[in-house]
Each structure stands twice: as structure tokens, then as C-alpha cells.
Amino acid sequence: MIMSGSKQATIHQVQLIDIHGTRFYDLAYAHTEAPAAIRTTRVGAESVYEQPQAGDQAQISYLMNVVVAVARLKQKEQL
């Protein structure tokens, strides 16, 4: 259980949904340290970076084991 904090993850699936005019994202993701353990969450669109896509590297923030924010990790520049 993650009481609070954040973990790096890879987004595997993204679905934007609308429930009575309120937008949410349903996300499937896996933490970097456990890539085979796919997790799912529904989070308000205001708490997710713009245009999330499958394959993105993200920072998932938790409070009381609930996802409260998803931020895109900056990609390392290729030399």
C-alpha cells in the first residue's frame, strides 16, 4: 500500500471517458520496478497531463493508495 508519494510507470492503455459531462481517463499502467504487474485507475482529466498516450513514461502520485495525479516524465535527449 502506498500511503503517499509517487512512482515511475509506463502507460499501457488510455481511454478518455465522459460521465454526465465530466471527463476522466481510464489508465492501465505498470510501475517501472514491476513491469508485469498491470494496474488500472480512473482519474479526472484535470489530474492528468495533456494527451496521454500508450508508451508514455509517467510519474504516478498517490494518496492513501489512490492515484491523485499523473505527470509525464521528460524524455532523455538522444545524443
PDB file of N, CA and C in Angstrom:
ATOM      1  N   MET A   1       0.837  -1.178   0.000  1.00  0.00           N
ATOM      2  CA  MET A   1       0.000   0.000   0.000  1.00  0.00           C
ATOM      3  C   MET A   1       0.882   1.241   0.000  1.00  0.00           C
ATOM      4  N   ILE A   2       0.559   2.188  -0.846  1.00  0.00           N
ATOM      5  CA  ILE A   2       1.291   3.444  -0.940  1.00  0.00           C
ATOM      6  C   ILE A   2       0.474   4.506  -0.214  1.00  0.00           C
ATOM      7  N   MET A   3       0.923   4.900   0.963  1.00  0.00           N
ATOM      8  CA  MET A   3       0.169   5.897   1.730  1.00  0.00           C
ATOM      9  C   MET A   3       0.214   7.258   1.032  1.00  0.00           C
ATOM     10  N   SER A   4       1.398   7.699   0.652  1.00  0.00           N
ATOM     11  CA  SER A   4       1.542   8.907  -0.154  1.00  0.00           C
ATOM     12  C   SER A   4       2.909   8.852  -0.813  1.00  0.00           C
ATOM     13  N   GLY A   5       3.009   9.549  -1.924  1.00  0.00           N
ATOM     14  CA  GLY A   5       4.257   9.548  -2.675  1.00  0.00           C
ATOM     15  C   GLY A   5       3.987   9.307  -4.139  1.00  0.00           C
ATOM     16  N   SER A   6       5.044   8.989  -4.873  1.00  0.00           N
ATOM     17  CA  SER A   6       4.881   8.766  -6.304  1.00  0.00           C
ATOM     18  C   SER A   6       5.840   7.698  -6.785  1.00  0.00           C
ATOM     19  N   LYS A   7       5.497   7.108  -7.935  1.00  0.00           N
ATOM     20  CA  LYS A   7       6.312   6.070  -8.556  1.00  0.00           C
ATOM     21  C   LYS A   7       6.330   6.283 -10.054  1.00  0.00           C
ATOM     22  N   GLN A   8       7.453   5.919 -10.665  1.00  0.00           N
ATOM     23  CA  GLN A   8       7.550   5.981 -12.111  1.00  0.00           C
ATOM     24  C   GLN A   8       6.831   4.786 -12.712  1.00  0.00           C
ATOM     25  N   ALA A   9       6.225   5.013 -13.886  1.00  0.00           N
ATOM     26  CA  ALA A   9       5.444   3.955 -14.525  1.00  0.00           C
ATOM     27  C   ALA A   9       5.434   4.154 -16.035  1.00  0.00           C
ATOM     28  N   THR A  10       5.036   3.092 -16.731  1.00  0.00           N
ATOM     29  CA  THR A  10       4.796   3.138 -18.172  1.00  0.00           C
ATOM     30  C   THR A  10       3.295   3.002 -18.387  1.00  0.00           C
ATOM     31  N   ILE A  11       2.735   3.903 -19.182  1.00  0.00           N
ATOM     32  CA  ILE A  11       1.317   3.840 -19.522  1.00  0.00           C
ATOM     33  C   ILE A  11       1.145   2.793 -20.618  1.00  0.00           C
ATOM     34  N   HIS A  12       0.218   1.853 -20.417  1.00  0.00           N
ATOM     35  CA  HIS A  12      -0.026   0.804 -21.408  1.00  0.00           C
ATOM     36  C   HIS A  12      -1.297   1.041 -22.221  1.00  0.00           C
ATOM     37  N   GLN A  13      -2.296   1.649 -21.609  1.00  0.00           N
ATOM     38  CA  GLN A  13      -3.561   1.873 -22.310  1.00  0.00           C
ATOM     39  C   GLN A  13      -4.219   3.123 -21.750  1.00  0.00           C
ATOM     40  N   VAL A  14      -4.841   3.900 -22.642  1.00  0.00           N
ATOM     41  CA  VAL A  14      -5.512   5.138 -22.259  1.00  0.00           C
ATOM     42  C   VAL A  14      -6.885   5.164 -22.904  1.00  0.00           C
ATOM     43  N   GLN A  15      -7.898   5.491 -22.101  1.00  0.00           N
ATOM     44  CA  GLN A  15      -9.233   5.681 -22.654  1.00  0.00           C
ATOM     45  C   GLN A  15      -9.854   6.903 -21.986  1.00  0.00           C
ATOM     46  N   LEU A  16     -10.220   7.892 -22.792  1.00  0.00           N
ATOM     47  CA  LEU A  16     -10.907   9.078 -22.297  1.00  0.00           C
ATOM     48  C   LEU A  16     -12.389   8.762 -22.248  1.00  0.00           C
ATOM     49  N   ILE A  17     -13.017   9.017 -21.107  1.00  0.00           N
ATOM     50  CA  ILE A  17     -14.452   8.756 -20.978  1.00  0.00           C
ATOM     51  C   ILE A  17     -15.148  10.009 -20.462  1.00  0.00           C
ATOM     52  N   ASP A  18     -16.437  10.091 -20.718  1.00  0.00           N
ATOM     53  CA  ASP A  18     -17.257  11.222 -20.299  1.00  0.00           C
ATOM     54  C   ASP A  18     -18.451  10.658 -19.538  1.00  0.00           C
ATOM     55  N   ILE A  19     -18.592  11.077 -18.296  1.00  0.00           N
ATOM     56  CA  ILE A  19     -19.725  10.641 -17.483  1.00  0.00           C
ATOM     57  C   ILE A  19     -20.512  11.886 -17.103  1.00  0.00           C
ATOM     58  N   HIS A  20     -21.655  12.059 -17.738  1.00  0.00           N
ATOM     59  CA  HIS A  20     -22.519  13.211 -17.487  1.00  0.00           C
ATOM     60  C   HIS A  20     -21.773  14.539 -17.580  1.00  0.00           C
ATOM     61  N   GLY A  21     -20.910  14.657 -18.592  1.00  0.00           N
ATOM     62  CA  GLY A  21     -20.195  15.899 -18.829  1.00  0.00           C
ATOM     63  C   GLY A  21     -18.883  16.051 -18.091  1.00  0.00           C
ATOM     64  N   THR A  22     -18.544  15.106 -17.245  1.00  0.00           N
ATOM     65  CA  THR A  22     -17.272  15.150 -16.533  1.00  0.00           C
ATOM     66  C   THR A  22     -16.315  14.170 -17.203  1.00  0.00           C
ATOM     67  N   ARG A  23     -15.108  14.645 -17.545  1.00  0.00           N
ATOM     68  CA  ARG A  23     -14.139  13.818 -18.268  1.00  0.00           C
ATOM     69  C   ARG A  23     -13.176  13.128 -17.317  1.00  0.00           C
ATOM     70  N   PHE A  24     -12.916  11.864 -17.610  1.00  0.00           N
ATOM     71  CA  PHE A  24     -11.991  11.024 -16.851  1.00  0.00           C
ATOM     72  C   PHE A  24     -11.099  10.274 -17.825  1.00  0.00           C
ATOM     73  N   TYR A  25      -9.965   9.817 -17.325  1.00  0.00           N
ATOM     74  CA  TYR A  25      -9.131   8.883 -18.067  1.00  0.00           C
ATOM     75  C   TYR A  25      -9.124   7.552 -17.324  1.00  0.00           C
ATOM     76  N   ASP A  26      -9.366   6.479 -18.060  1.00  0.00           N
ATOM     77  CA  ASP A  26      -9.116   5.136 -17.561  1.00  0.00           C
ATOM     78  C   ASP A  26      -7.728   4.764 -18.068  1.00  0.00           C
ATOM     79  N   LEU A  27      -6.822   4.481 -17.145  1.00  0.00           N
ATOM     80  CA  LEU A  27      -5.440   4.176 -17.500  1.00  0.00           C
ATOM     81  C   LEU A  27      -5.067   2.774 -17.047  1.00  0.00           C
ATOM     82  N   ALA A  28      -4.317   2.086 -17.885  1.00  0.00           N
ATOM     83  CA  ALA A  28      -3.645   0.842 -17.496  1.00  0.00           C
ATOM     84  C   ALA A  28      -2.155   1.172 -17.511  1.00  0.00           C
ATOM     85  N   TYR A  29      -1.457   0.847 -16.446  1.00  0.00           N
ATOM     86  CA  TYR A  29      -0.045   1.208 -16.321  1.00  0.00           C
ATOM     87  C   TYR A  29       0.681   0.170 -15.475  1.00  0.00           C
ATOM     88  N   ALA A  30       1.997   0.218 -15.526  1.00  0.00           N
ATOM     89  CA  ALA A  30       2.823  -0.663 -14.690  1.00  0.00           C
ATOM     90  C   ALA A  30       3.968   0.160 -14.116  1.00  0.00           C
ATOM     91  N   HIS A  31       4.225  -0.018 -12.835  1.00  0.00           N
ATOM     92  CA  HIS A  31       5.363   0.649 -12.208  1.00  0.00           C
ATOM     93  C   HIS A  31       6.647   0.118 -12.825  1.00  0.00           C
ATOM     94  N   THR A  32       7.645   0.968 -12.900  1.00  0.00           N
ATOM     95  CA  THR A  32       8.923   0.606 -13.517  1.00  0.00           C
ATOM     96  C   THR A  32       9.562  -0.597 -12.831  1.00  0.00           C
ATOM     97  N   GLU A  33       9.435  -0.688 -11.502  1.00  0.00           N
ATOM     98  CA  GLU A  33      10.084  -1.795 -10.781  1.00  0.00           C
ATOM     99  C   GLU A  33       9.287  -3.105 -10.859  1.00  0.00           C
ATOM    100  N   ALA A  34       8.064  -3.075 -11.395  1.00  0.00           N
ATOM    101  CA  ALA A  34       7.239  -4.285 -11.533  1.00  0.00           C
ATOM    102  C   ALA A  34       6.490  -4.239 -12.868  1.00  0.00           C
ATOM    103  N   PRO A  35       7.214  -4.349 -13.992  1.00  0.00           N
ATOM    104  CA  PRO A  35       6.594  -4.148 -15.300  1.00  0.00           C
ATOM    105  C   PRO A  35       5.525  -5.167 -15.674  1.00  0.00           C
ATOM    106  N   ALA A  36       5.502  -6.323 -15.038  1.00  0.00           N
ATOM    107  CA  ALA A  36       4.496  -7.340 -15.366  1.00  0.00           C
ATOM    108  C   ALA A  36       3.195  -7.145 -14.596  1.00  0.00           C
ATOM    109  N   ALA A  37       3.198  -6.302 -13.582  1.00  0.00           N
ATOM    110  CA  ALA A  37       2.002  -6.085 -12.755  1.00  0.00           C
ATOM    111  C   ALA A  37       1.227  -4.881 -13.285  1.00  0.00           C
ATOM    112  N   ILE A  38       0.270  -5.140 -14.177  1.00  0.00           N
ATOM    113  CA  ILE A  38      -0.529  -4.073 -14.767  1.00  0.00           C
ATOM    114  C   ILE A  38      -1.584  -3.618 -13.758  1.00  0.00           C
ATOM    115  N   ARG A  39      -1.648  -2.308 -13.543  1.00  0.00           N
ATOM    116  CA  ARG A  39      -2.625  -1.702 -12.640  1.00  0.00           C
ATOM    117  C   ARG A  39      -3.580  -0.850 -13.469  1.00  0.00           C
ATOM    118  N   THR A  40      -4.749  -0.598 -12.936  1.00  0.00           N
ATOM    119  CA  THR A  40      -5.708   0.273 -13.621  1.00  0.00           C
ATOM    120  C   THR A  40      -6.207   1.333 -12.643  1.00  0.00           C
ATOM    121  N   THR A  41      -6.597   2.460 -13.210  1.00  0.00           N
ATOM    122  CA  THR A  41      -7.145   3.546 -12.400  1.00  0.00           C
ATOM    123  C   THR A  41      -8.072   4.396 -13.257  1.00  0.00           C
ATOM    124  N   ARG A  42      -8.969   5.085 -12.621  1.00  0.00           N
ATOM    125  CA  ARG A  42      -9.787   6.122 -13.263  1.00  0.00           C
ATOM    126  C   ARG A  42      -9.466   7.413 -12.526  1.00  0.00           C
ATOM    127  N   VAL A  43      -9.052   8.423 -13.276  1.00  0.00           N
ATOM    128  CA  VAL A  43      -8.648   9.683 -12.668  1.00  0.00           C
ATOM    129  C   VAL A  43      -9.214  10.836 -13.493  1.00  0.00           C
ATOM    130  N   GLY A  44      -9.591  11.908 -12.823  1.00  0.00           N
ATOM    131  CA  GLY A  44     -10.147  13.069 -13.504  1.00  0.00           C
ATOM    132  C   GLY A  44      -9.170  13.657 -14.501  1.00  0.00           C
ATOM    133  N   ALA A  45      -9.688  14.126 -15.635  1.00  0.00           N
ATOM    134  CA  ALA A  45      -8.840  14.672 -16.697  1.00  0.00           C
ATOM    135  C   ALA A  45      -7.987  15.842 -16.205  1.00  0.00           C
ATOM    136  N   GLU A  46      -8.466  16.575 -15.199  1.00  0.00           N
ATOM    137  CA  GLU A  46      -7.703  17.707 -14.676  1.00  0.00           C
ATOM    138  C   GLU A  46      -6.447  17.277 -13.926  1.00  0.00           C
ATOM    139  N   SER A  47      -6.349  15.992 -13.588  1.00  0.00           N
ATOM    140  CA  SER A  47      -5.216  15.475 -12.821  1.00  0.00           C
ATOM    141  C   SER A  47      -4.212  14.716 -13.674  1.00  0.00           C
ATOM    142  N   VAL A  48      -4.405  14.765 -14.997  1.00  0.00           N
ATOM    143  CA  VAL A  48      -3.532  14.040 -15.927  1.00  0.00           C
ATOM    144  C   VAL A  48      -2.969  15.036 -16.931  1.00  0.00           C
ATOM    145  N   TYR A  49      -1.715  14.842 -17.339  1.00  0.00           N
ATOM    146  CA  TYR A  49      -1.107  15.721 -18.336  1.00  0.00           C
ATOM    147  C   TYR A  49      -1.872  15.646 -19.659  1.00  0.00           C
ATOM    148  N   GLU A  50      -1.668  16.634 -20.494  1.00  0.00           N
ATOM    149  CA  GLU A  50      -2.403  16.745 -21.753  1.00  0.00           C
ATOM    150  C   GLU A  50      -2.030  15.623 -22.727  1.00  0.00           C
ATOM    151  N   GLN A  51      -3.020  14.991 -23.291  1.00  0.00           N
ATOM    152  CA  GLN A  51      -2.918  13.957 -24.313  1.00  0.00           C
ATOM    153  C   GLN A  51      -2.011  12.779 -23.929  1.00  0.00           C
ATOM    154  N   PRO A  52      -2.330  12.075 -22.857  1.00  0.00           N
ATOM    155  CA  PRO A  52      -1.544  10.890 -22.516  1.00  0.00           C
ATOM    156  C   PRO A  52      -1.695   9.820 -23.596  1.00  0.00           C
ATOM    157  N   GLN A  53      -0.631   9.072 -23.837  1.00  0.00           N
ATOM    158  CA  GLN A  53      -0.617   8.036 -24.864  1.00  0.00           C
ATOM    159  C   GLN A  53       0.023   6.767 -24.312  1.00  0.00           C
ATOM    160  N   ALA A  54      -0.393   5.636 -24.855  1.00  0.00           N
ATOM    161  CA  ALA A  54       0.247   4.366 -24.512  1.00  0.00           C
ATOM    162  C   ALA A  54       1.731   4.466 -24.857  1.00  0.00           C
ATOM    163  N   GLY A  55       2.568   3.962 -23.970  1.00  0.00           N
ATOM    164  CA  GLY A  55       4.009   4.012 -24.155  1.00  0.00           C
ATOM    165  C   GLY A  55       4.677   5.161 -23.430  1.00  0.00           C
ATOM    166  N   ASP A  56       3.909   6.140 -22.970  1.00  0.00           N
ATOM    167  CA  ASP A  56       4.478   7.272 -22.234  1.00  0.00           C
ATOM    168  C   ASP A  56       5.064   6.819 -20.907  1.00  0.00           C
ATOM    169  N   GLN A  57       6.145   7.479 -20.509  1.00  0.00           N
ATOM    170  CA  GLN A  57       6.719   7.305 -19.187  1.00  0.00           C
ATOM    171  C   GLN A  57       6.107   8.387 -18.301  1.00  0.00           C
ATOM    172  N   ALA A  58       5.615   7.986 -17.132  1.00  0.00           N
ATOM    173  CA  ALA A  58       4.891   8.932 -16.282  1.00  0.00           C
ATOM    174  C   ALA A  58       5.283   8.773 -14.822  1.00  0.00           C
ATOM    175  N   GLN A  59       4.964   9.790 -14.050  1.00  0.00           N
ATOM    176  CA  GLN A  59       5.116   9.776 -12.599  1.00  0.00           C
ATOM    177  C   GLN A  59       3.700   9.715 -12.030  1.00  0.00           C
ATOM    178  N   ILE A  60       3.376   8.632 -11.327  1.00  0.00           N
ATOM    179  CA  ILE A  60       2.054   8.432 -10.749  1.00  0.00           C
ATOM    180  C   ILE A  60       2.113   8.833  -9.277  1.00  0.00           C
ATOM    181  N   SER A  61       1.272   9.778  -8.877  1.00  0.00           N
ATOM    182  CA  SER A  61       1.244  10.243  -7.481  1.00  0.00           C
ATOM    183  C   SER A  61       0.060   9.610  -6.756  1.00  0.00           C
ATOM    184  N   TYR A  62       0.310   9.202  -5.515  1.00  0.00           N
ATOM    185  CA  TYR A  62      -0.688   8.503  -4.707  1.00  0.00           C
ATOM    186  C   TYR A  62      -0.938   9.238  -3.396  1.00  0.00           C
ATOM    187  N   LEU A  63      -2.154   9.068  -2.888  1.00  0.00           N
ATOM    188  CA  LEU A  63      -2.505   9.463  -1.536  1.00  0.00           C
ATOM    189  C   LEU A  63      -3.465   8.408  -1.016  1.00  0.00           C
ATOM    190  N   MET A  64      -3.114   7.773   0.072  1.00  0.00           N
ATOM    191  CA  MET A  64      -3.924   6.693   0.660  1.00  0.00           C
ATOM    192  C   MET A  64      -4.192   5.591  -0.373  1.00  0.00           C
ATOM    193  N   ASN A  65      -3.167   5.269  -1.174  1.00  0.00           N
ATOM    194  CA  ASN A  65      -3.203   4.210  -2.188  1.00  0.00           C
ATOM    195  C   ASN A  65      -4.142   4.516  -3.357  1.00  0.00           C
ATOM    196  N   VAL A  66      -4.529   5.780  -3.519  1.00  0.00           N
ATOM    197  CA  VAL A  66      -5.396   6.201  -4.616  1.00  0.00           C
ATOM    198  C   VAL A  66      -4.585   7.132  -5.523  1.00  0.00           C
ATOM    199  N   VAL A  67      -4.671   6.926  -6.829  1.00  0.00           N
ATOM    200  CA  VAL A  67      -3.973   7.794  -7.777  1.00  0.00           C
ATOM    201  C   VAL A  67      -4.621   9.172  -7.745  1.00  0.00           C
ATOM    202  N   VAL A  68      -3.810  10.205  -7.520  1.00  0.00           N
ATOM    203  CA  VAL A  68      -4.324  11.575  -7.460  1.00  0.00           C
ATOM    204  C   VAL A  68      -3.764  12.459  -8.570  1.00  0.00           C
ATOM    205  N   ALA A  69      -2.687  12.027  -9.231  1.00  0.00           N
ATOM    206  CA  ALA A  69      -2.120  12.813 -10.326  1.00  0.00           C
ATOM    207  C   ALA A  69      -1.222  11.942 -11.184  1.00  0.00           C
ATOM    208  N   VAL A  70      -1.171  12.295 -12.466  1.00  0.00           N
ATOM    209  CA  VAL A  70      -0.296  11.602 -13.410  1.00  0.00           C
ATOM    210  C   VAL A  70       0.447  12.676 -14.202  1.00  0.00           C
ATOM    211  N   ALA A  71       1.779  12.683 -14.087  1.00  0.00           N
ATOM    212  CA  ALA A  71       2.609  13.671 -14.779  1.00  0.00           C
ATOM    213  C   ALA A  71       3.529  12.957 -15.760  1.00  0.00           C
ATOM    214  N   ARG A  72       3.723  13.561 -16.911  1.00  0.00           N
ATOM    215  CA  ARG A  72       4.629  12.980 -17.917  1.00  0.00           C
ATOM    216  C   ARG A  72       6.061  13.175 -17.463  1.00  0.00           C
ATOM    217  N   LEU A  73       6.881  12.133 -17.595  1.00  0.00           N
ATOM    218  CA  LEU A  73       8.308  12.269 -17.357  1.00  0.00           C
ATOM    219  C   LEU A  73       8.958  12.809 -18.618  1.00  0.00           C
ATOM    220  N   LYS A  74       9.901  13.673 -18.465  1.00  0.00           N
ATOM    221  CA  LYS A  74      10.620  14.204 -19.622  1.00  0.00           C
ATOM    222  C   LYS A  74      11.510  13.109 -20.204  1.00  0.00           C
ATOM    223  N   GLN A  75      11.489  12.998 -21.517  1.00  0.00           N
ATOM    224  CA  GLN A  75      12.301  12.001 -22.198  1.00  0.00           C
ATOM    225  C   GLN A  75      13.748  12.472 -22.221  1.00  0.00           C
ATOM    226  N   LYS A  76      14.675  11.542 -22.011  1.00  0.00           N
ATOM    227  CA  LYS A  76      16.103  11.876 -22.097  1.00  0.00           C
ATOM    228  C   LYS A  76      16.451  12.167 -23.548  1.00  0.00           C
ATOM    229  N   GLU A  77      17.257  13.182 -23.736  1.00  0.00           N
ATOM    230  CA  GLU A  77      17.650  13.538 -25.090  1.00  0.00           C
ATOM    231  C   GLU A  77      18.651  12.518 -25.620  1.00  0.00           C
ATOM    232  N   GLN A  78      18.467  12.140 -26.868  1.00  0.00           N
ATOM    233  CA  GLN A  78      19.351  11.192 -27.539  1.00  0.00           C
ATOM    234  C   GLN A  78      20.578  11.949 -28.035  1.00  0.00           C
ATOM    235  N   LEU A  79      21.743  11.373 -27.866  1.00  0.00           N
ATOM    236  CA  LEU A  79      22.987  12.005 -28.377  1.00  0.00           C
ATOM    237  C   LEU A  79      23.275  11.507 -29.762  1.00  0.00           C
TER     238      LEU A  79
END
